[in-house]
Amino acid sequence: RAEPPGWLAAAREAWRAPYEGARRTAIVPIWRRPWMVVGRD
């Protein structure tokens, strides 16, 4: 029951411009023993 905060508008603006450079691939481990990585969605 509150107005959306100003920082939320600032965050939208920070992410507004699309990326246009060369792309890279990555794996993103989040745990070891056992190794786990970020997957889908």
PDB file of all heavy atoms in Angstrom:
ATOM      1  N   ARG A   1       0.837  -1.210   0.000  1.00  0.00           N
ATOM      2  CA  ARG A   1       0.000   0.000   0.000  1.00  0.00           C
ATOM      3  C   ARG A   1       0.865   1.250   0.000  1.00  0.00           C
ATOM      4  O   ARG A   1       0.673   2.180   0.779  1.00  0.00           O
ATOM      5  CB  ARG A   1      -0.926   0.016   1.220  1.00  0.00           C
ATOM      6  CG  ARG A   1      -1.855  -1.182   1.346  1.00  0.00           C
ATOM      7  CD  ARG A   1      -2.855  -1.265   0.222  1.00  0.00           C
ATOM      8  NE  ARG A   1      -3.920  -2.235   0.526  1.00  0.00           N
ATOM      9  CZ  ARG A   1      -4.842  -2.613  -0.351  1.00  0.00           C
ATOM     10  NH1 ARG A   1      -4.837  -2.120  -1.585  1.00  0.00           N
ATOM     11  NH2 ARG A   1      -5.778  -3.488  -0.014  1.00  0.00           N
ATOM     12  N   ALA A   2       1.860   1.263  -0.895  1.00  0.00           N
ATOM     13  CA  ALA A   2       2.808   2.378  -0.944  1.00  0.00           C
ATOM     14  C   ALA A   2       3.088   2.769  -2.388  1.00  0.00           C
ATOM     15  O   ALA A   2       2.892   1.981  -3.318  1.00  0.00           O
ATOM     16  CB  ALA A   2       4.115   1.987  -0.249  1.00  0.00           C
ATOM     17  N   GLU A   3       3.564   3.995  -2.565  1.00  0.00           N
ATOM     18  CA  GLU A   3       3.979   4.446  -3.883  1.00  0.00           C
ATOM     19  C   GLU A   3       5.280   3.737  -4.282  1.00  0.00           C
ATOM     20  O   GLU A   3       6.151   3.517  -3.436  1.00  0.00           O
ATOM     21  CB  GLU A   3       4.204   5.957  -3.881  1.00  0.00           C
ATOM     22  CG  GLU A   3       2.943   6.777  -3.712  1.00  0.00           C
ATOM     23  CD  GLU A   3       2.015   6.627  -4.909  1.00  0.00           C
ATOM     24  OE1 GLU A   3       2.513   6.537  -6.039  1.00  0.00           O
ATOM     25  OE2 GLU A   3       0.792   6.590  -4.709  1.00  0.00           O
ATOM     26  N   PRO A   4       5.422   3.377  -5.551  1.00  0.00           N
ATOM     27  CA  PRO A   4       6.695   2.795  -5.990  1.00  0.00           C
ATOM     28  C   PRO A   4       7.844   3.748  -5.686  1.00  0.00           C
ATOM     29  O   PRO A   4       7.721   4.961  -5.899  1.00  0.00           O
ATOM     30  CB  PRO A   4       6.491   2.609  -7.498  1.00  0.00           C
ATOM     31  CG  PRO A   4       5.007   2.487  -7.661  1.00  0.00           C
ATOM     32  CD  PRO A   4       4.416   3.412  -6.626  1.00  0.00           C
ATOM     33  N   PRO A   5       8.958   3.246  -5.166  1.00  0.00           N
ATOM     34  CA  PRO A   5      10.059   4.119  -4.737  1.00  0.00           C
ATOM     35  C   PRO A   5      10.834   4.718  -5.901  1.00  0.00           C
ATOM     36  O   PRO A   5      10.843   4.194  -7.019  1.00  0.00           O
ATOM     37  CB  PRO A   5      10.948   3.172  -3.927  1.00  0.00           C
ATOM     38  CG  PRO A   5      10.680   1.819  -4.525  1.00  0.00           C
ATOM     39  CD  PRO A   5       9.228   1.827  -4.901  1.00  0.00           C
ATOM     40  N   GLY A   6      11.532   5.805  -5.617  1.00  0.00           N
ATOM     41  CA  GLY A   6      12.348   6.456  -6.631  1.00  0.00           C
ATOM     42  C   GLY A   6      13.473   5.580  -7.132  1.00  0.00           C
ATOM     43  O   GLY A   6      13.842   5.646  -8.316  1.00  0.00           O
ATOM     44  N   TRP A   7      14.029   4.748  -6.248  1.00  0.00           N
ATOM     45  CA  TRP A   7      15.132   3.903  -6.694  1.00  0.00           C
ATOM     46  C   TRP A   7      14.696   2.899  -7.761  1.00  0.00           C
ATOM     47  O   TRP A   7      15.504   2.453  -8.578  1.00  0.00           O
ATOM     48  CB  TRP A   7      15.813   3.188  -5.528  1.00  0.00           C
ATOM     49  CG  TRP A   7      14.963   2.270  -4.706  1.00  0.00           C
ATOM     50  CD1 TRP A   7      14.416   2.530  -3.481  1.00  0.00           C
ATOM     51  CD2 TRP A   7      14.546   0.929  -5.033  1.00  0.00           C
ATOM     52  NE1 TRP A   7      13.694   1.456  -3.028  1.00  0.00           N
ATOM     53  CE2 TRP A   7      13.753   0.459  -3.959  1.00  0.00           C
ATOM     54  CE3 TRP A   7      14.769   0.087  -6.127  1.00  0.00           C
ATOM     55  CZ2 TRP A   7      13.181  -0.816  -3.950  1.00  0.00           C
ATOM     56  CZ3 TRP A   7      14.195  -1.176  -6.123  1.00  0.00           C
ATOM     57  CH2 TRP A   7      13.412  -1.619  -5.050  1.00  0.00           C
ATOM     58  N   LEU A   8      13.404   2.535  -7.769  1.00  0.00           N
ATOM     59  CA  LEU A   8      12.923   1.597  -8.783  1.00  0.00           C
ATOM     60  C   LEU A   8      12.935   2.250 -10.161  1.00  0.00           C
ATOM     61  O   LEU A   8      13.323   1.623 -11.155  1.00  0.00           O
ATOM     62  CB  LEU A   8      11.517   1.114  -8.421  1.00  0.00           C
ATOM     63  CG  LEU A   8      10.908   0.025  -9.301  1.00  0.00           C
ATOM     64  CD1 LEU A   8      11.815  -1.182  -9.397  1.00  0.00           C
ATOM     65  CD2 LEU A   8       9.536  -0.383  -8.767  1.00  0.00           C
ATOM     66  N   ALA A   9      12.545   3.513 -10.232  1.00  0.00           N
ATOM     67  CA  ALA A   9      12.617   4.246 -11.496  1.00  0.00           C
ATOM     68  C   ALA A   9      14.066   4.399 -11.947  1.00  0.00           C
ATOM     69  O   ALA A   9      14.385   4.281 -13.143  1.00  0.00           O
ATOM     70  CB  ALA A   9      11.961   5.614 -11.352  1.00  0.00           C
ATOM     71  N   ALA A  10      14.967   4.647 -10.999  1.00  0.00           N
ATOM     72  CA  ALA A  10      16.386   4.776 -11.337  1.00  0.00           C
ATOM     73  C   ALA A  10      16.950   3.455 -11.853  1.00  0.00           C
ATOM     74  O   ALA A  10      17.789   3.431 -12.772  1.00  0.00           O
ATOM     75  CB  ALA A  10      17.172   5.246 -10.115  1.00  0.00           C
ATOM     76  N   ALA A  11      16.489   2.349 -11.288  1.00  0.00           N
ATOM     77  CA  ALA A  11      16.950   1.032 -11.745  1.00  0.00           C
ATOM     78  C   ALA A  11      16.463   0.752 -13.171  1.00  0.00           C
ATOM     79  O   ALA A  11      17.216   0.227 -13.995  1.00  0.00           O
ATOM     80  CB  ALA A  11      16.458  -0.050 -10.785  1.00  0.00           C
ATOM     81  N   ARG A  12      15.212   1.083 -13.448  1.00  0.00           N
ATOM     82  CA  ARG A  12      14.705   0.910 -14.821  1.00  0.00           C
ATOM     83  C   ARG A  12      15.579   1.673 -15.814  1.00  0.00           C
ATOM     84  O   ARG A  12      15.919   1.166 -16.881  1.00  0.00           O
ATOM     85  CB  ARG A  12      13.269   1.411 -14.914  1.00  0.00           C
ATOM     86  CG  ARG A  12      12.203   0.535 -14.272  1.00  0.00           C
ATOM     87  CD  ARG A  12      10.835   1.150 -14.537  1.00  0.00           C
ATOM     88  NE  ARG A  12       9.758   0.517 -13.817  1.00  0.00           N
ATOM     89  CZ  ARG A  12       9.049  -0.509 -14.268  1.00  0.00           C
ATOM     90  NH1 ARG A  12       9.342  -1.017 -15.460  1.00  0.00           N
ATOM     91  NH2 ARG A  12       8.073  -1.034 -13.558  1.00  0.00           N
ATOM     92  N   GLU A  13      15.931   2.894 -15.455  1.00  0.00           N
ATOM     93  CA  GLU A  13      16.741   3.719 -16.349  1.00  0.00           C
ATOM     94  C   GLU A  13      18.142   3.128 -16.518  1.00  0.00           C
ATOM     95  O   GLU A  13      18.710   3.139 -17.616  1.00  0.00           O
ATOM     96  CB  GLU A  13      16.835   5.142 -15.800  1.00  0.00           C
ATOM     97  CG  GLU A  13      17.629   6.105 -16.651  1.00  0.00           C
ATOM     98  CD  GLU A  13      17.035   6.306 -18.040  1.00  0.00           C
ATOM     99  OE1 GLU A  13      15.820   6.083 -18.228  1.00  0.00           O
ATOM    100  OE2 GLU A  13      17.815   6.678 -18.955  1.00  0.00           O
ATOM    101  N   ALA A  14      18.704   2.579 -15.438  1.00  0.00           N
ATOM    102  CA  ALA A  14      20.049   2.007 -15.503  1.00  0.00           C
ATOM    103  C   ALA A  14      20.117   0.816 -16.452  1.00  0.00           C
ATOM    104  O   ALA A  14      21.158   0.548 -17.064  1.00  0.00           O
ATOM    105  CB  ALA A  14      20.510   1.595 -14.107  1.00  0.00           C
ATOM    106  N   TRP A  15      18.993   0.084 -16.571  1.00  0.00           N
ATOM    107  CA  TRP A  15      18.962  -1.110 -17.419  1.00  0.00           C
ATOM    108  C   TRP A  15      18.285  -0.859 -18.771  1.00  0.00           C
ATOM    109  O   TRP A  15      18.074  -1.794 -19.533  1.00  0.00           O
ATOM    110  CB  TRP A  15      18.224  -2.236 -16.698  1.00  0.00           C
ATOM    111  CG  TRP A  15      19.012  -2.851 -15.585  1.00  0.00           C
ATOM    112  CD1 TRP A  15      18.987  -2.512 -14.273  1.00  0.00           C
ATOM    113  CD2 TRP A  15      19.967  -3.914 -15.699  1.00  0.00           C
ATOM    114  NE1 TRP A  15      19.854  -3.295 -13.547  1.00  0.00           N
ATOM    115  CE2 TRP A  15      20.469  -4.169 -14.401  1.00  0.00           C
ATOM    116  CE3 TRP A  15      20.437  -4.673 -16.773  1.00  0.00           C
ATOM    117  CZ2 TRP A  15      21.424  -5.149 -14.152  1.00  0.00           C
ATOM    118  CZ3 TRP A  15      21.387  -5.655 -16.522  1.00  0.00           C
ATOM    119  CH2 TRP A  15      21.864  -5.882 -15.222  1.00  0.00           C
ATOM    120  N   ARG A  16      17.949   0.386 -19.070  1.00  0.00           N
ATOM    121  CA  ARG A  16      17.142   0.681 -20.255  1.00  0.00           C
ATOM    122  C   ARG A  16      17.876   0.396 -21.571  1.00  0.00           C
ATOM    123  O   ARG A  16      17.320  -0.212 -22.485  1.00  0.00           O
ATOM    124  CB  ARG A  16      16.697   2.143 -20.225  1.00  0.00           C
ATOM    125  CG  ARG A  16      15.822   2.565 -21.409  1.00  0.00           C
ATOM    126  CD  ARG A  16      15.422   4.018 -21.273  1.00  0.00           C
ATOM    127  NE  ARG A  16      16.577   4.884 -21.207  1.00  0.00           N
ATOM    128  CZ  ARG A  16      17.254   5.299 -22.279  1.00  0.00           C
ATOM    129  NH1 ARG A  16      16.902   4.901 -23.498  1.00  0.00           N
ATOM    130  NH2 ARG A  16      18.303   6.091 -22.142  1.00  0.00           N
ATOM    131  N   ALA A  17      19.123   0.814 -21.681  1.00  0.00           N
ATOM    132  CA  ALA A  17      19.844   0.688 -22.949  1.00  0.00           C
ATOM    133  C   ALA A  17      20.224  -0.767 -23.221  1.00  0.00           C
ATOM    134  O   ALA A  17      20.813  -1.425 -22.365  1.00  0.00           O
ATOM    135  CB  ALA A  17      21.098   1.561 -22.921  1.00  0.00           C
ATOM    136  N   PRO A  18      19.917  -1.296 -24.405  1.00  0.00           N
ATOM    137  CA  PRO A  18      20.288  -2.675 -24.727  1.00  0.00           C
ATOM    138  C   PRO A  18      21.785  -2.805 -24.979  1.00  0.00           C
ATOM    139  O   PRO A  18      22.447  -1.848 -25.399  1.00  0.00           O
ATOM    140  CB  PRO A  18      19.488  -2.966 -25.996  1.00  0.00           C
ATOM    141  CG  PRO A  18      19.311  -1.627 -26.632  1.00  0.00           C
ATOM    142  CD  PRO A  18      19.170  -0.653 -25.497  1.00  0.00           C
ATOM    143  N   TYR A  19      22.318  -3.990 -24.740  1.00  0.00           N
ATOM    144  CA  TYR A  19      23.728  -4.263 -24.997  1.00  0.00           C
ATOM    145  C   TYR A  19      23.945  -4.420 -26.499  1.00  0.00           C
ATOM    146  O   TYR A  19      23.177  -5.098 -27.180  1.00  0.00           O
ATOM    147  CB  TYR A  19      24.161  -5.530 -24.265  1.00  0.00           C
ATOM    148  CG  TYR A  19      25.609  -5.896 -24.505  1.00  0.00           C
ATOM    149  CD1 TYR A  19      26.615  -5.302 -23.773  1.00  0.00           C
ATOM    150  CD2 TYR A  19      25.952  -6.835 -25.473  1.00  0.00           C
ATOM    151  CE1 TYR A  19      27.949  -5.630 -23.982  1.00  0.00           C
ATOM    152  CE2 TYR A  19      27.281  -7.170 -25.693  1.00  0.00           C
ATOM    153  CZ  TYR A  19      28.275  -6.560 -24.950  1.00  0.00           C
ATOM    154  OH  TYR A  19      29.594  -6.882 -25.178  1.00  0.00           O
ATOM    155  N   GLU A  20      25.015  -3.806 -27.012  1.00  0.00           N
ATOM    156  CA  GLU A  20      25.254  -3.842 -28.452  1.00  0.00           C
ATOM    157  C   GLU A  20      26.665  -4.290 -28.816  1.00  0.00           C
ATOM    158  O   GLU A  20      27.048  -4.248 -29.984  1.00  0.00           O
ATOM    159  CB  GLU A  20      24.984  -2.458 -29.050  1.00  0.00           C
ATOM    160  CG  GLU A  20      23.531  -2.011 -28.919  1.00  0.00           C
ATOM    161  CD  GLU A  20      23.295  -0.636 -29.515  1.00  0.00           C
ATOM    162  OE1 GLU A  20      24.304   0.078 -29.765  1.00  0.00           O
ATOM    163  OE2 GLU A  20      22.124  -0.274 -29.723  1.00  0.00           O
ATOM    164  N   GLY A  21      27.453  -4.745 -27.883  1.00  0.00           N
ATOM    165  CA  GLY A  21      28.818  -5.147 -28.172  1.00  0.00           C
ATOM    166  C   GLY A  21      28.943  -6.616 -28.537  1.00  0.00           C
ATOM    167  O   GLY A  21      27.952  -7.312 -28.775  1.00  0.00           O
ATOM    168  N   ALA A  22      30.195  -7.101 -28.573  1.00  0.00           N
ATOM    169  CA  ALA A  22      30.453  -8.517 -28.845  1.00  0.00           C
ATOM    170  C   ALA A  22      29.977  -9.350 -27.664  1.00  0.00           C
ATOM    171  O   ALA A  22      30.070  -8.937 -26.511  1.00  0.00           O
ATOM    172  CB  ALA A  22      31.944  -8.733 -29.077  1.00  0.00           C
ATOM    173  N   ARG A  23      29.477 -10.534 -27.953  1.00  0.00           N
ATOM    174  CA  ARG A  23      28.940 -11.386 -26.901  1.00  0.00           C
ATOM    175  C   ARG A  23      29.974 -12.420 -26.471  1.00  0.00           C
ATOM    176  O   ARG A  23      30.856 -12.810 -27.258  1.00  0.00           O
ATOM    177  CB  ARG A  23      27.647 -12.072 -27.358  1.00  0.00           C
ATOM    178  CG  ARG A  23      26.573 -11.089 -27.820  1.00  0.00           C
ATOM    179  CD  ARG A  23      25.210 -11.734 -27.835  1.00  0.00           C
ATOM    180  NE  ARG A  23      24.748 -12.086 -26.491  1.00  0.00           N
ATOM    181  CZ  ARG A  23      24.168 -11.217 -25.641  1.00  0.00           C
ATOM    182  NH1 ARG A  23      23.984  -9.961 -25.991  1.00  0.00           N
ATOM    183  NH2 ARG A  23      23.775 -11.621 -24.445  1.00  0.00           N
ATOM    184  N   ARG A  24      29.864 -12.853 -25.216  1.00  0.00           N
ATOM    185  CA  ARG A  24      30.753 -13.868 -24.670  1.00  0.00           C
ATOM    186  C   ARG A  24      29.924 -14.981 -24.047  1.00  0.00           C
ATOM    187  O   ARG A  24      28.761 -14.787 -23.704  1.00  0.00           O
ATOM    188  CB  ARG A  24      31.680 -13.247 -23.612  1.00  0.00           C
ATOM    189  CG  ARG A  24      32.669 -12.244 -24.178  1.00  0.00           C
ATOM    190  CD  ARG A  24      33.487 -11.601 -23.083  1.00  0.00           C
ATOM    191  NE  ARG A  24      32.688 -10.706 -22.252  1.00  0.00           N
ATOM    192  CZ  ARG A  24      33.123 -10.116 -21.133  1.00  0.00           C
ATOM    193  NH1 ARG A  24      34.357 -10.376 -20.702  1.00  0.00           N
ATOM    194  NH2 ARG A  24      32.353  -9.313 -20.449  1.00  0.00           N
ATOM    195  N   THR A  25      30.535 -16.133 -23.869  1.00  0.00           N
ATOM    196  CA  THR A  25      29.866 -17.256 -23.202  1.00  0.00           C
ATOM    197  C   THR A  25      30.398 -17.392 -21.784  1.00  0.00           C
ATOM    198  O   THR A  25      31.508 -16.947 -21.466  1.00  0.00           O
ATOM    199  CB  THR A  25      30.097 -18.566 -23.952  1.00  0.00           C
ATOM    200  OG1 THR A  25      31.520 -18.832 -23.994  1.00  0.00           O
ATOM    201  CG2 THR A  25      29.549 -18.495 -25.373  1.00  0.00           C
ATOM    202  N   ALA A  26      29.592 -18.031 -20.927  1.00  0.00           N
ATOM    203  CA  ALA A  26      30.006 -18.178 -19.529  1.00  0.00           C
ATOM    204  C   ALA A  26      29.363 -19.398 -18.901  1.00  0.00           C
ATOM    205  O   ALA A  26      28.328 -19.887 -19.352  1.00  0.00           O
ATOM    206  CB  ALA A  26      29.631 -16.935 -18.733  1.00  0.00           C
ATOM    207  N   ILE A  27      30.006 -19.879 -17.858  1.00  0.00           N
ATOM    208  CA  ILE A  27      29.372 -20.779 -16.902  1.00  0.00           C
ATOM    209  C   ILE A  27      29.348 -20.043 -15.571  1.00  0.00           C
ATOM    210  O   ILE A  27      30.206 -19.190 -15.304  1.00  0.00           O
ATOM    211  CB  ILE A  27      30.110 -22.130 -16.767  1.00  0.00           C
ATOM    212  CG1 ILE A  27      31.571 -21.917 -16.355  1.00  0.00           C
ATOM    213  CG2 ILE A  27      30.029 -22.919 -18.073  1.00  0.00           C
ATOM    214  CD1 ILE A  27      32.313 -23.208 -16.035  1.00  0.00           C
ATOM    215  N   VAL A  28      28.343 -20.355 -14.740  1.00  0.00           N
ATOM    216  CA  VAL A  28      28.173 -19.630 -13.474  1.00  0.00           C
ATOM    217  C   VAL A  28      28.035 -20.631 -12.334  1.00  0.00           C
ATOM    218  O   VAL A  28      26.924 -21.022 -11.955  1.00  0.00           O
ATOM    219  CB  VAL A  28      26.942 -18.706 -13.519  1.00  0.00           C
ATOM    220  CG1 VAL A  28      26.931 -17.784 -12.294  1.00  0.00           C
ATOM    221  CG2 VAL A  28      26.906 -17.897 -14.804  1.00  0.00           C
ATOM    222  N   PRO A  29      29.145 -21.088 -11.766  1.00  0.00           N
ATOM    223  CA  PRO A  29      29.056 -21.990 -10.615  1.00  0.00           C
ATOM    224  C   PRO A  29      28.432 -21.273  -9.415  1.00  0.00           C
ATOM    225  O   PRO A  29      28.705 -20.090  -9.171  1.00  0.00           O
ATOM    226  CB  PRO A  29      30.514 -22.350 -10.338  1.00  0.00           C
ATOM    227  CG  PRO A  29      31.230 -22.091 -11.634  1.00  0.00           C
ATOM    228  CD  PRO A  29      30.533 -20.902 -12.203  1.00  0.00           C
ATOM    229  N   ILE A  30      27.602 -21.998  -8.671  1.00  0.00           N
ATOM    230  CA  ILE A  30      27.040 -21.447  -7.445  1.00  0.00           C
ATOM    231  C   ILE A  30      27.397 -22.314  -6.230  1.00  0.00           C
ATOM    232  O   ILE A  30      27.094 -21.933  -5.106  1.00  0.00           O
ATOM    233  CB  ILE A  30      25.507 -21.308  -7.540  1.00  0.00           C
ATOM    234  CG1 ILE A  30      24.862 -22.675  -7.830  1.00  0.00           C
ATOM    235  CG2 ILE A  30      25.132 -20.284  -8.587  1.00  0.00           C
ATOM    236  CD1 ILE A  30      23.362 -22.686  -7.651  1.00  0.00           C
ATOM    237  N   TRP A  31      28.022 -23.482  -6.481  1.00  0.00           N
ATOM    238  CA  TRP A  31      28.412 -24.375  -5.380  1.00  0.00           C
ATOM    239  C   TRP A  31      29.522 -25.286  -5.853  1.00  0.00           C
ATOM    240  O   TRP A  31      29.693 -25.498  -7.054  1.00  0.00           O
ATOM    241  CB  TRP A  31      27.215 -25.201  -4.901  1.00  0.00           C
ATOM    242  CG  TRP A  31      27.371 -25.680  -3.481  1.00  0.00           C
ATOM    243  CD1 TRP A  31      27.724 -26.939  -3.066  1.00  0.00           C
ATOM    244  CD2 TRP A  31      27.199 -24.894  -2.304  1.00  0.00           C
ATOM    245  NE1 TRP A  31      27.780 -26.976  -1.698  1.00  0.00           N
ATOM    246  CE2 TRP A  31      27.461 -25.740  -1.190  1.00  0.00           C
ATOM    247  CE3 TRP A  31      26.834 -23.554  -2.077  1.00  0.00           C
ATOM    248  CZ2 TRP A  31      27.390 -25.277   0.119  1.00  0.00           C
ATOM    249  CZ3 TRP A  31      26.762 -23.106  -0.768  1.00  0.00           C
ATOM    250  CH2 TRP A  31      27.044 -23.965   0.311  1.00  0.00           C
ATOM    251  N   ARG A  32      30.277 -25.800  -4.912  1.00  0.00           N
ATOM    252  CA  ARG A  32      31.276 -26.820  -5.220  1.00  0.00           C
ATOM    253  C   ARG A  32      31.169 -27.933  -4.190  1.00  0.00           C
ATOM    254  O   ARG A  32      30.722 -27.727  -3.084  1.00  0.00           O
ATOM    255  CB  ARG A  32      32.687 -26.217  -5.246  1.00  0.00           C
ATOM    256  CG  ARG A  32      33.157 -25.621  -3.946  1.00  0.00           C
ATOM    257  CD  ARG A  32      34.506 -24.885  -4.106  1.00  0.00           C
ATOM    258  NE  ARG A  32      35.533 -25.748  -4.637  1.00  0.00           N
ATOM    259  CZ  ARG A  32      36.761 -25.328  -4.982  1.00  0.00           C
ATOM    260  NH1 ARG A  32      37.086 -24.047  -4.851  1.00  0.00           N
ATOM    261  NH2 ARG A  32      37.651 -26.163  -5.457  1.00  0.00           N
ATOM    262  N   ARG A  33      31.586 -29.125  -4.603  1.00  0.00           N
ATOM    263  CA  ARG A  33      31.439 -30.322  -3.759  1.00  0.00           C
ATOM    264  C   ARG A  33      29.979 -30.572  -3.389  1.00  0.00           C
ATOM    265  O   ARG A  33      29.635 -30.518  -2.204  1.00  0.00           O
ATOM    266  CB  ARG A  33      32.337 -30.233  -2.510  1.00  0.00           C
ATOM    267  CG  ARG A  33      33.813 -30.229  -2.847  1.00  0.00           C
ATOM    268  CD  ARG A  33      34.674 -30.235  -1.596  1.00  0.00           C
ATOM    269  NE  ARG A  33      34.494 -29.033  -0.789  1.00  0.00           N
ATOM    270  CZ  ARG A  33      35.183 -27.909  -0.970  1.00  0.00           C
ATOM    271  NH1 ARG A  33      36.072 -27.798  -1.939  1.00  0.00           N
ATOM    272  NH2 ARG A  33      34.977 -26.883  -0.178  1.00  0.00           N
ATOM    273  N   PRO A  34      29.078 -30.862  -4.308  1.00  0.00           N
ATOM    274  CA  PRO A  34      29.327 -31.019  -5.740  1.00  0.00           C
ATOM    275  C   PRO A  34      29.222 -29.681  -6.474  1.00  0.00           C
ATOM    276  O   PRO A  34      28.622 -28.731  -5.974  1.00  0.00           O
ATOM    277  CB  PRO A  34      28.189 -31.943  -6.176  1.00  0.00           C
ATOM    278  CG  PRO A  34      27.052 -31.524  -5.295  1.00  0.00           C
ATOM    279  CD  PRO A  34      27.679 -31.201  -3.958  1.00  0.00           C
ATOM    280  N   TRP A  35      29.780 -29.677  -7.692  1.00  0.00           N
ATOM    281  CA  TRP A  35      29.687 -28.478  -8.500  1.00  0.00           C
ATOM    282  C   TRP A  35      28.259 -28.312  -9.014  1.00  0.00           C
ATOM    283  O   TRP A  35      27.658 -29.249  -9.535  1.00  0.00           O
ATOM    284  CB  TRP A  35      30.667 -28.533  -9.675  1.00  0.00           C
ATOM    285  CG  TRP A  35      32.082 -28.333  -9.251  1.00  0.00           C
ATOM    286  CD1 TRP A  35      32.991 -29.305  -8.926  1.00  0.00           C
ATOM    287  CD2 TRP A  35      32.736 -27.082  -9.058  1.00  0.00           C
ATOM    288  NE1 TRP A  35      34.180 -28.727  -8.542  1.00  0.00           N
ATOM    289  CE2 TRP A  35      34.052 -27.359  -8.611  1.00  0.00           C
ATOM    290  CE3 TRP A  35      32.344 -25.749  -9.218  1.00  0.00           C
ATOM    291  CZ2 TRP A  35      34.970 -26.354  -8.332  1.00  0.00           C
ATOM    292  CZ3 TRP A  35      33.261 -24.738  -8.942  1.00  0.00           C
ATOM    293  CH2 TRP A  35      34.562 -25.045  -8.493  1.00  0.00           C
ATOM    294  N   MET A  36      27.725 -27.116  -8.842  1.00  0.00           N
ATOM    295  CA  MET A  36      26.405 -26.759  -9.353  1.00  0.00           C
ATOM    296  C   MET A  36      26.529 -25.434 -10.086  1.00  0.00           C
ATOM    297  O   MET A  36      27.328 -24.569  -9.704  1.00  0.00           O
ATOM    298  CB  MET A  36      25.384 -26.641  -8.215  1.00  0.00           C
ATOM    299  CG  MET A  36      25.171 -27.916  -7.437  1.00  0.00           C
ATOM    300  SD  MET A  36      24.058 -27.673  -6.019  1.00  0.00           S
ATOM    301  CE  MET A  36      22.530 -27.254  -6.868  1.00  0.00           C
ATOM    302  N   VAL A  37      25.728 -25.279 -11.141  1.00  0.00           N
ATOM    303  CA  VAL A  37      25.792 -24.054 -11.941  1.00  0.00           C
ATOM    304  C   VAL A  37      24.393 -23.502 -12.181  1.00  0.00           C
ATOM    305  O   VAL A  37      23.387 -24.189 -11.995  1.00  0.00           O
ATOM    306  CB  VAL A  37      26.491 -24.298 -13.296  1.00  0.00           C
ATOM    307  CG1 VAL A  37      27.925 -24.764 -13.099  1.00  0.00           C
ATOM    308  CG2 VAL A  37      25.709 -25.310 -14.128  1.00  0.00           C
ATOM    309  N   VAL A  38      24.349 -22.276 -12.610  1.00  0.00           N
ATOM    310  CA  VAL A  38      23.095 -21.652 -13.012  1.00  0.00           C
ATOM    311  C   VAL A  38      22.633 -22.278 -14.320  1.00  0.00           C
ATOM    312  O   VAL A  38      23.414 -22.387 -15.278  1.00  0.00           O
ATOM    313  CB  VAL A  38      23.281 -20.134 -13.176  1.00  0.00           C
ATOM    314  CG1 VAL A  38      22.047 -19.502 -13.812  1.00  0.00           C
ATOM    315  CG2 VAL A  38      23.583 -19.497 -11.825  1.00  0.00           C
ATOM    316  N   GLY A  39      21.371 -22.715 -14.362  1.00  0.00           N
ATOM    317  CA  GLY A  39      20.816 -23.331 -15.561  1.00  0.00           C
ATOM    318  C   GLY A  39      19.765 -22.457 -16.221  1.00  0.00           C
ATOM    319  O   GLY A  39      19.989 -21.269 -16.456  1.00  0.00           O
ATOM    320  N   ARG A  40      18.601 -23.039 -16.480  1.00  0.00           N
ATOM    321  CA  ARG A  40      17.573 -22.346 -17.267  1.00  0.00           C
ATOM    322  C   ARG A  40      16.732 -21.390 -16.413  1.00  0.00           C
ATOM    323  O   ARG A  40      16.595 -21.539 -15.216  1.00  0.00           O
ATOM    324  CB  ARG A  40      16.629 -23.378 -17.894  1.00  0.00           C
ATOM    325  CG  ARG A  40      15.842 -24.189 -16.882  1.00  0.00           C
ATOM    326  CD  ARG A  40      14.743 -25.012 -17.524  1.00  0.00           C
ATOM    327  NE  ARG A  40      14.010 -25.786 -16.523  1.00  0.00           N
ATOM    328  CZ  ARG A  40      13.012 -25.301 -15.790  1.00  0.00           C
ATOM    329  NH1 ARG A  40      12.615 -24.047 -15.960  1.00  0.00           N
ATOM    330  NH2 ARG A  40      12.396 -26.054 -14.899  1.00  0.00           N
ATOM    331  N   ASP A  41      16.154 -20.392 -17.091  1.00  0.00           N
ATOM    332  CA  ASP A  41      15.105 -19.536 -16.526  1.00  0.00           C
ATOM    333  C   ASP A  41      15.467 -18.934 -15.176  1.00  0.00           C
ATOM    334  O   ASP A  41      14.733 -19.055 -14.201  1.00  0.00           O
ATOM    335  CB  ASP A  41      13.794 -20.326 -16.385  1.00  0.00           C
ATOM    336  CG  ASP A  41      13.297 -20.876 -17.714  1.00  0.00           C
ATOM    337  OD1 ASP A  41      13.634 -20.289 -18.752  1.00  0.00           O
ATOM    338  OD2 ASP A  41      12.590 -21.891 -17.699  1.00  0.00           O
TER     339      ASP A  41
END
